Amino acid sequence: MDLYQVKMTPVRLRVFLFTLFCAMYVSLVNGACAEVDSDTEAVAGQGFKLGCISCKLRGEVVATATVDWFFMSKGEQMFIPIYSYDGQSSMIKDDRFEDRLEWVGSRYTLDLQDASIYITNVTFNDTGVFRCLFNRILNYEHYEYATEATKDVKLSVVAKATRSTASIVSEVMMYVSIIGLQLWLLVEMIYCYRKIMAAGEEALRASAEEYLAIASESKDNCAAVQVAE
């Protein structure tokens, strides 16, 4: 029993640290992804973030993605390409937005899920519909699968900031979604930890029983040798 207790402490520690590391890695990579609608009201002369998030349905699948932004000004009938980003470099494609667009989405990865951009010095001419297009390739073991995701942001520009009900609700839902995802991750971590610990304890129990059986057999052999002498 003493041998069993001595072995349990380091094993428990190693298993716990490994589980915690995996959970933290998953949380950093995928756990906080929540598709939240962008704000739609900008103030003239100020900056504005155009939000666009497209989460993968299967977070464990390796993927790459590129993003294209389009703009259809108020009164126009066609979308014009204005910006593109491939995870490494960006390009502004419309002179109206020259030196006014900045990437504020996913960084240091080719698996883009947040394609948000920032507009500086918003003008009334920016009123219209902005379209965000994800071109994503899912890399499975034996094949690749291409998907697309599109999101529109109908932007209105005002002279003075106002806080709409939709904006408040959107912000609240964003925090609720993030908290819900983190709670789900915590439950998954506890479940996995318990399963790993149960398997580890079973293996240690079997090892301890085997050790006791060997020790008992050795003792019997020694007793038999003494009797023979």
C-alpha atoms as a PDB file:
ATOM      1  CA  MET A   1       0.000   0.000   0.000  1.00  0.00           C
ATOM      2  CA  ASP A   2       2.866   2.421   0.743  1.00  0.00           C
ATOM      3  CA  LEU A   3       4.371   1.783  -2.669  1.00  0.00           C
ATOM      4  CA  TYR A   4       1.010   2.535  -4.297  1.00  0.00           C
ATOM      5  CA  GLN A   5       0.642   5.835  -2.449  1.00  0.00           C
ATOM      6  CA  VAL A   6       4.195   6.939  -3.296  1.00  0.00           C
ATOM      7  CA  LYS A   7       3.637   6.320  -7.002  1.00  0.00           C
ATOM      8  CA  MET A   8       0.264   8.072  -7.118  1.00  0.00           C
ATOM      9  CA  THR A   9       1.474  11.594  -6.386  1.00  0.00           C
ATOM     10  CA  PRO A  10       3.872  12.121  -9.331  1.00  0.00           C
ATOM     11  CA  VAL A  11       1.535  10.330 -11.743  1.00  0.00           C
ATOM     12  CA  ARG A  12      -1.405  12.514 -10.746  1.00  0.00           C
ATOM     13  CA  LEU A  13       0.742  15.614 -11.135  1.00  0.00           C
ATOM     14  CA  ARG A  14       1.962  14.675 -14.609  1.00  0.00           C
ATOM     15  CA  VAL A  15      -1.534  13.788 -15.822  1.00  0.00           C
ATOM     16  CA  PHE A  16      -3.003  16.998 -14.428  1.00  0.00           C
ATOM     17  CA  LEU A  17      -0.306  19.195 -15.992  1.00  0.00           C
ATOM     18  CA  PHE A  18      -0.698  17.468 -19.363  1.00  0.00           C
ATOM     19  CA  THR A  19      -4.494  17.877 -19.278  1.00  0.00           C
ATOM     20  CA  LEU A  20      -4.205  21.514 -18.240  1.00  0.00           C
ATOM     21  CA  PHE A  21      -1.730  22.243 -21.050  1.00  0.00           C
ATOM     22  CA  CYS A  22      -4.038  20.670 -23.658  1.00  0.00           C
ATOM     23  CA  ALA A  23      -7.035  22.607 -22.361  1.00  0.00           C
ATOM     24  CA  MET A  24      -5.153  25.903 -22.422  1.00  0.00           C
ATOM     25  CA  TYR A  25      -3.930  25.248 -25.972  1.00  0.00           C
ATOM     26  CA  VAL A  26      -7.441  24.423 -27.204  1.00  0.00           C
ATOM     27  CA  SER A  27      -8.800  27.508 -25.452  1.00  0.00           C
ATOM     28  CA  LEU A  28      -6.250  29.789 -27.091  1.00  0.00           C
ATOM     29  CA  VAL A  29      -6.716  28.321 -30.547  1.00  0.00           C
ATOM     30  CA  ASN A  30     -10.449  27.621 -30.795  1.00  0.00           C
ATOM     31  CA  GLY A  31     -12.221  28.045 -27.516  1.00  0.00           C
ATOM     32  CA  ALA A  32     -13.034  31.732 -27.764  1.00  0.00           C
ATOM     33  CA  CYS A  33     -14.416  31.798 -31.319  1.00  0.00           C
ATOM     34  CA  ALA A  34     -17.940  33.194 -31.347  1.00  0.00           C
ATOM     35  CA  GLU A  35     -19.729  34.607 -34.378  1.00  0.00           C
ATOM     36  CA  VAL A  36     -20.891  38.068 -33.337  1.00  0.00           C
ATOM     37  CA  ASP A  37     -22.496  40.601 -35.663  1.00  0.00           C
ATOM     38  CA  SER A  38     -20.620  43.792 -36.390  1.00  0.00           C
ATOM     39  CA  ASP A  39     -21.712  47.222 -35.252  1.00  0.00           C
ATOM     40  CA  THR A  40     -23.412  49.105 -38.069  1.00  0.00           C
ATOM     41  CA  GLU A  41     -23.213  52.767 -37.084  1.00  0.00           C
ATOM     42  CA  ALA A  42     -20.046  54.803 -37.585  1.00  0.00           C
ATOM     43  CA  VAL A  43     -19.308  58.426 -36.697  1.00  0.00           C
ATOM     44  CA  ALA A  44     -17.924  60.715 -39.398  1.00  0.00           C
ATOM     45  CA  GLY A  45     -14.299  61.667 -38.841  1.00  0.00           C
ATOM     46  CA  GLN A  46     -13.643  58.767 -36.455  1.00  0.00           C
ATOM     47  CA  GLY A  47     -12.412  55.198 -36.876  1.00  0.00           C
ATOM     48  CA  PHE A  48     -14.695  52.176 -37.139  1.00  0.00           C
ATOM     49  CA  LYS A  49     -14.218  48.420 -36.869  1.00  0.00           C
ATOM     50  CA  LEU A  50     -16.002  46.273 -39.464  1.00  0.00           C
ATOM     51  CA  GLY A  51     -16.474  42.962 -37.698  1.00  0.00           C
ATOM     52  CA  CYS A  52     -16.562  39.676 -39.584  1.00  0.00           C
ATOM     53  CA  ILE A  53     -16.130  36.298 -37.836  1.00  0.00           C
ATOM     54  CA  SER A  54     -16.608  32.849 -39.366  1.00  0.00           C
ATOM     55  CA  CYS A  55     -15.835  29.962 -36.991  1.00  0.00           C
ATOM     56  CA  LYS A  56     -14.963  26.498 -38.260  1.00  0.00           C
ATOM     57  CA  LEU A  57     -17.647  23.900 -37.555  1.00  0.00           C
ATOM     58  CA  ARG A  58     -14.929  21.358 -36.710  1.00  0.00           C
ATOM     59  CA  GLY A  59     -12.172  23.005 -34.741  1.00  0.00           C
ATOM     60  CA  GLU A  60      -9.875  19.972 -34.841  1.00  0.00           C
ATOM     61  CA  VAL A  61      -9.559  20.037 -38.654  1.00  0.00           C
ATOM     62  CA  VAL A  62      -6.507  21.850 -40.027  1.00  0.00           C
ATOM     63  CA  ALA A  63      -7.525  24.622 -42.422  1.00  0.00           C
ATOM     64  CA  THR A  64      -6.299  27.654 -44.338  1.00  0.00           C
ATOM     65  CA  ALA A  65      -8.350  30.651 -45.395  1.00  0.00           C
ATOM     66  CA  THR A  66      -8.158  33.875 -47.359  1.00  0.00           C
ATOM     67  CA  VAL A  67     -10.461  36.864 -46.967  1.00  0.00           C
ATOM     68  CA  ASP A  68     -11.824  39.386 -49.474  1.00  0.00           C
ATOM     69  CA  TRP A  69     -13.793  42.518 -48.613  1.00  0.00           C
ATOM     70  CA  PHE A  70     -16.225  44.213 -51.019  1.00  0.00           C
ATOM     71  CA  PHE A  71     -18.156  47.470 -50.850  1.00  0.00           C
ATOM     72  CA  MET A  72     -21.396  48.629 -52.458  1.00  0.00           C
ATOM     73  CA  SER A  73     -21.942  52.315 -51.900  1.00  0.00           C
ATOM     74  CA  LYS A  74     -25.401  53.690 -51.226  1.00  0.00           C
ATOM     75  CA  GLY A  75     -27.246  53.998 -54.523  1.00  0.00           C
ATOM     76  CA  GLU A  76     -24.961  51.565 -56.377  1.00  0.00           C
ATOM     77  CA  GLN A  77     -25.953  48.088 -57.606  1.00  0.00           C
ATOM     78  CA  MET A  78     -22.630  46.207 -57.644  1.00  0.00           C
ATOM     79  CA  PHE A  79     -20.041  45.191 -55.052  1.00  0.00           C
ATOM     80  CA  ILE A  80     -16.510  46.460 -55.704  1.00  0.00           C
ATOM     81  CA  PRO A  81     -13.459  44.632 -54.240  1.00  0.00           C
ATOM     82  CA  ILE A  82     -11.667  46.875 -51.765  1.00  0.00           C
ATOM     83  CA  TYR A  83      -9.367  44.665 -49.656  1.00  0.00           C
ATOM     84  CA  SER A  84      -7.829  41.187 -49.439  1.00  0.00           C
ATOM     85  CA  TYR A  85      -5.781  39.279 -46.855  1.00  0.00           C
ATOM     86  CA  ASP A  86      -4.218  35.807 -47.015  1.00  0.00           C
ATOM     87  CA  GLY A  87      -2.758  35.447 -43.527  1.00  0.00           C
ATOM     88  CA  GLN A  88       0.582  36.973 -44.500  1.00  0.00           C
ATOM     89  CA  SER A  89      -0.001  40.037 -46.670  1.00  0.00           C
ATOM     90  CA  SER A  90      -2.829  42.453 -47.399  1.00  0.00           C
ATOM     91  CA  MET A  91      -3.828  44.583 -50.374  1.00  0.00           C
ATOM     92  CA  ILE A  92      -6.094  47.625 -50.687  1.00  0.00           C
ATOM     93  CA  LYS A  93      -7.860  47.438 -54.066  1.00  0.00           C
ATOM     94  CA  ASP A  94      -9.897  50.652 -54.118  1.00  0.00           C
ATOM     95  CA  ASP A  95      -8.472  54.166 -54.178  1.00  0.00           C
ATOM     96  CA  ARG A  96     -11.304  55.420 -51.969  1.00  0.00           C
ATOM     97  CA  PHE A  97      -9.853  53.397 -49.092  1.00  0.00           C
ATOM     98  CA  GLU A  98      -6.152  53.974 -49.767  1.00  0.00           C
ATOM     99  CA  ASP A  99      -4.269  54.190 -46.427  1.00  0.00           C
ATOM    100  CA  ARG A 100      -7.579  53.912 -44.571  1.00  0.00           C
ATOM    101  CA  LEU A 101      -7.955  50.156 -44.035  1.00  0.00           C
ATOM    102  CA  GLU A 102      -6.103  48.092 -41.442  1.00  0.00           C
ATOM    103  CA  TRP A 103      -6.346  44.368 -40.646  1.00  0.00           C
ATOM    104  CA  VAL A 104      -7.432  43.727 -37.028  1.00  0.00           C
ATOM    105  CA  GLY A 105      -8.537  40.097 -37.373  1.00  0.00           C
ATOM    106  CA  SER A 106      -6.737  36.772 -36.806  1.00  0.00           C
ATOM    107  CA  ARG A 107      -2.958  37.080 -36.541  1.00  0.00           C
ATOM    108  CA  TYR A 108      -0.007  34.684 -36.764  1.00  0.00           C
ATOM    109  CA  THR A 109      -2.081  31.979 -38.436  1.00  0.00           C
ATOM    110  CA  LEU A 110      -3.244  30.925 -41.897  1.00  0.00           C
ATOM    111  CA  ASP A 111      -6.435  29.515 -40.364  1.00  0.00           C
ATOM    112  CA  LEU A 112      -8.323  32.814 -40.428  1.00  0.00           C
ATOM    113  CA  GLN A 113     -11.578  32.971 -38.477  1.00  0.00           C
ATOM    114  CA  ASP A 114     -11.736  36.662 -37.581  1.00  0.00           C
ATOM    115  CA  ALA A 115     -11.575  38.873 -40.684  1.00  0.00           C
ATOM    116  CA  SER A 116     -12.302  42.215 -39.030  1.00  0.00           C
ATOM    117  CA  ILE A 117     -10.827  45.368 -40.550  1.00  0.00           C
ATOM    118  CA  TYR A 118     -10.569  48.925 -39.248  1.00  0.00           C
ATOM    119  CA  ILE A 119     -11.521  52.027 -41.245  1.00  0.00           C
ATOM    120  CA  THR A 120      -9.821  55.268 -40.293  1.00  0.00           C
ATOM    121  CA  ASN A 121     -11.356  58.701 -40.844  1.00  0.00           C
ATOM    122  CA  VAL A 122     -14.842  57.514 -41.770  1.00  0.00           C
ATOM    123  CA  THR A 123     -16.728  59.751 -44.236  1.00  0.00           C
ATOM    124  CA  PHE A 124     -20.369  59.917 -45.259  1.00  0.00           C
ATOM    125  CA  ASN A 125     -19.321  58.358 -48.575  1.00  0.00           C
ATOM    126  CA  ASP A 126     -18.619  55.128 -46.639  1.00  0.00           C
ATOM    127  CA  THR A 127     -22.350  54.617 -46.175  1.00  0.00           C
ATOM    128  CA  GLY A 128     -23.390  51.370 -47.844  1.00  0.00           C
ATOM    129  CA  VAL A 129     -22.943  47.602 -47.586  1.00  0.00           C
ATOM    130  CA  PHE A 130     -19.598  45.957 -46.851  1.00  0.00           C
ATOM    131  CA  ARG A 131     -19.285  42.262 -47.702  1.00  0.00           C
ATOM    132  CA  CYS A 132     -16.769  39.880 -46.153  1.00  0.00           C
ATOM    133  CA  LEU A 133     -15.978  36.645 -48.049  1.00  0.00           C
ATOM    134  CA  PHE A 134     -14.079  33.713 -46.516  1.00  0.00           C
ATOM    135  CA  ASN A 135     -12.482  31.183 -48.869  1.00  0.00           C
ATOM    136  CA  ARG A 136     -11.565  28.274 -46.592  1.00  0.00           C
ATOM    137  CA  ILE A 137      -9.880  24.948 -47.387  1.00  0.00           C
ATOM    138  CA  LEU A 138     -10.292  22.118 -44.876  1.00  0.00           C
ATOM    139  CA  ASN A 139      -7.380  19.675 -44.982  1.00  0.00           C
ATOM    140  CA  TYR A 140      -8.511  16.130 -44.207  1.00  0.00           C
ATOM    141  CA  GLU A 141      -6.222  13.108 -44.217  1.00  0.00           C
ATOM    142  CA  HIS A 142      -6.920  12.036 -47.808  1.00  0.00           C
ATOM    143  CA  TYR A 143      -8.559  15.065 -49.419  1.00  0.00           C
ATOM    144  CA  GLU A 144      -9.261  18.786 -49.242  1.00  0.00           C
ATOM    145  CA  TYR A 145     -12.663  20.435 -49.016  1.00  0.00           C
ATOM    146  CA  ALA A 146     -13.285  24.040 -50.073  1.00  0.00           C
ATOM    147  CA  THR A 147     -15.981  26.147 -48.423  1.00  0.00           C
ATOM    148  CA  GLU A 148     -17.131  29.767 -48.567  1.00  0.00           C
ATOM    149  CA  ALA A 149     -18.753  31.997 -45.974  1.00  0.00           C
ATOM    150  CA  THR A 150     -20.196  35.453 -46.621  1.00  0.00           C
ATOM    151  CA  LYS A 151     -21.274  38.144 -44.177  1.00  0.00           C
ATOM    152  CA  ASP A 152     -22.705  41.601 -44.922  1.00  0.00           C
ATOM    153  CA  VAL A 153     -22.415  44.735 -42.817  1.00  0.00           C
ATOM    154  CA  LYS A 154     -24.851  47.533 -43.678  1.00  0.00           C
ATOM    155  CA  LEU A 155     -23.018  50.630 -42.499  1.00  0.00           C
ATOM    156  CA  SER A 156     -24.625  53.976 -41.779  1.00  0.00           C
ATOM    157  CA  VAL A 157     -22.566  57.076 -41.007  1.00  0.00           C
ATOM    158  CA  VAL A 158     -23.827  59.716 -38.583  1.00  0.00           C
ATOM    159  CA  ALA A 159     -22.476  63.065 -37.422  1.00  0.00           C
ATOM    160  CA  LYS A 160     -22.819  62.196 -33.713  1.00  0.00           C
ATOM    161  CA  ALA A 161     -22.566  58.876 -31.907  1.00  0.00           C
ATOM    162  CA  THR A 162     -25.754  57.161 -30.720  1.00  0.00           C
ATOM    163  CA  ARG A 163     -26.039  53.835 -28.917  1.00  0.00           C
ATOM    164  CA  SER A 164     -28.693  51.663 -30.521  1.00  0.00           C
ATOM    165  CA  THR A 165     -30.539  48.823 -28.796  1.00  0.00           C
ATOM    166  CA  ALA A 166     -29.208  46.372 -31.366  1.00  0.00           C
ATOM    167  CA  SER A 167     -25.644  47.375 -30.530  1.00  0.00           C
ATOM    168  CA  ILE A 168     -26.218  46.828 -26.808  1.00  0.00           C
ATOM    169  CA  VAL A 169     -27.850  43.441 -27.369  1.00  0.00           C
ATOM    170  CA  SER A 170     -25.045  42.392 -29.719  1.00  0.00           C
ATOM    171  CA  GLU A 171     -22.384  43.246 -27.155  1.00  0.00           C
ATOM    172  CA  VAL A 172     -24.228  41.390 -24.384  1.00  0.00           C
ATOM    173  CA  MET A 173     -24.635  38.315 -26.596  1.00  0.00           C
ATOM    174  CA  MET A 174     -20.922  38.387 -27.415  1.00  0.00           C
ATOM    175  CA  TYR A 175     -19.968  38.154 -23.737  1.00  0.00           C
ATOM    176  CA  VAL A 176     -22.611  35.499 -23.063  1.00  0.00           C
ATOM    177  CA  SER A 177     -21.279  33.393 -25.947  1.00  0.00           C
ATOM    178  CA  ILE A 178     -17.683  33.663 -24.769  1.00  0.00           C
ATOM    179  CA  ILE A 179     -18.590  32.768 -21.178  1.00  0.00           C
ATOM    180  CA  GLY A 180     -20.672  29.818 -22.393  1.00  0.00           C
ATOM    181  CA  LEU A 181     -17.795  28.507 -24.503  1.00  0.00           C
ATOM    182  CA  GLN A 182     -15.360  28.783 -21.612  1.00  0.00           C
ATOM    183  CA  LEU A 183     -17.754  26.918 -19.267  1.00  0.00           C
ATOM    184  CA  TRP A 184     -18.163  24.175 -21.871  1.00  0.00           C
ATOM    185  CA  LEU A 185     -14.374  23.903 -22.159  1.00  0.00           C
ATOM    186  CA  LEU A 186     -14.058  23.632 -18.360  1.00  0.00           C
ATOM    187  CA  VAL A 187     -16.606  20.792 -18.248  1.00  0.00           C
ATOM    188  CA  GLU A 188     -14.763  18.985 -21.055  1.00  0.00           C
ATOM    189  CA  MET A 189     -11.454  19.401 -19.235  1.00  0.00           C
ATOM    190  CA  ILE A 190     -12.848  17.974 -15.981  1.00  0.00           C
ATOM    191  CA  TYR A 191     -14.447  15.055 -17.834  1.00  0.00           C
ATOM    192  CA  CYS A 192     -11.206  14.206 -19.678  1.00  0.00           C
ATOM    193  CA  TYR A 193      -9.172  14.574 -16.485  1.00  0.00           C
ATOM    194  CA  ARG A 194     -11.414  12.133 -14.631  1.00  0.00           C
ATOM    195  CA  LYS A 195     -11.234   9.580 -17.432  1.00  0.00           C
ATOM    196  CA  ILE A 196      -7.435   9.834 -17.603  1.00  0.00           C
ATOM    197  CA  MET A 197      -7.133   9.561 -13.831  1.00  0.00           C
ATOM    198  CA  ALA A 198      -9.431   6.513 -13.738  1.00  0.00           C
ATOM    199  CA  ALA A 199      -7.297   4.783 -16.370  1.00  0.00           C
ATOM    200  CA  GLY A 200      -4.100   5.748 -14.547  1.00  0.00           C
ATOM    201  CA  GLU A 201      -5.367   4.463 -11.204  1.00  0.00           C
ATOM    202  CA  GLU A 202      -6.441   1.180 -12.775  1.00  0.00           C
ATOM    203  CA  ALA A 203      -2.993   0.730 -14.314  1.00  0.00           C
ATOM    204  CA  LEU A 204      -1.274   1.530 -11.016  1.00  0.00           C
ATOM    205  CA  ARG A 205      -3.576  -0.861  -9.139  1.00  0.00           C
ATOM    206  CA  ALA A 206      -2.746  -3.633 -11.566  1.00  0.00           C
ATOM    207  CA  SER A 207       0.962  -2.828 -11.239  1.00  0.00           C
ATOM    208  CA  ALA A 208       0.763  -2.884  -7.447  1.00  0.00           C
ATOM    209  CA  GLU A 209      -1.038  -6.231  -7.461  1.00  0.00           C
ATOM    210  CA  GLU A 210       1.562  -7.654  -9.816  1.00  0.00           C
ATOM    211  CA  TYR A 211       4.347  -6.388  -7.534  1.00  0.00           C
ATOM    212  CA  LEU A 212       2.731  -7.974  -4.486  1.00  0.00           C
ATOM    213  CA  ALA A 213       2.262 -11.241  -6.345  1.00  0.00           C
ATOM    214  CA  ILE A 214       5.942 -11.312  -7.340  1.00  0.00           C
ATOM    215  CA  ALA A 215       7.017 -10.435  -3.803  1.00  0.00           C
ATOM    216  CA  SER A 216       4.779 -13.187  -2.349  1.00  0.00           C
ATOM    217  CA  GLU A 217       6.122 -15.722  -4.835  1.00  0.00           C
ATOM    218  CA  SER A 218       9.701 -14.761  -3.983  1.00  0.00           C
ATOM    219  CA  LYS A 219       8.943 -15.136  -0.286  1.00  0.00           C
ATOM    220  CA  ASP A 220       7.468 -18.600  -0.837  1.00  0.00           C
ATOM    221  CA  ASN A 221      10.522 -19.619  -2.854  1.00  0.00           C
ATOM    222  CA  CYS A 222      12.847 -18.465  -0.116  1.00  0.00           C
ATOM    223  CA  ALA A 223      10.831 -20.374   2.483  1.00  0.00           C
ATOM    224  CA  ALA A 224      10.953 -23.488   0.341  1.00  0.00           C
ATOM    225  CA  VAL A 225      14.745 -23.212  -0.016  1.00  0.00           C
ATOM    226  CA  GLN A 226      15.160 -22.877   3.772  1.00  0.00           C
ATOM    227  CA  VAL A 227      12.991 -25.941   4.409  1.00  0.00           C
ATOM    228  CA  ALA A 228      14.995 -27.949   1.884  1.00  0.00           C
ATOM    229  CA  GLU A 229      18.245 -27.029   3.641  1.00  0.00           C
END
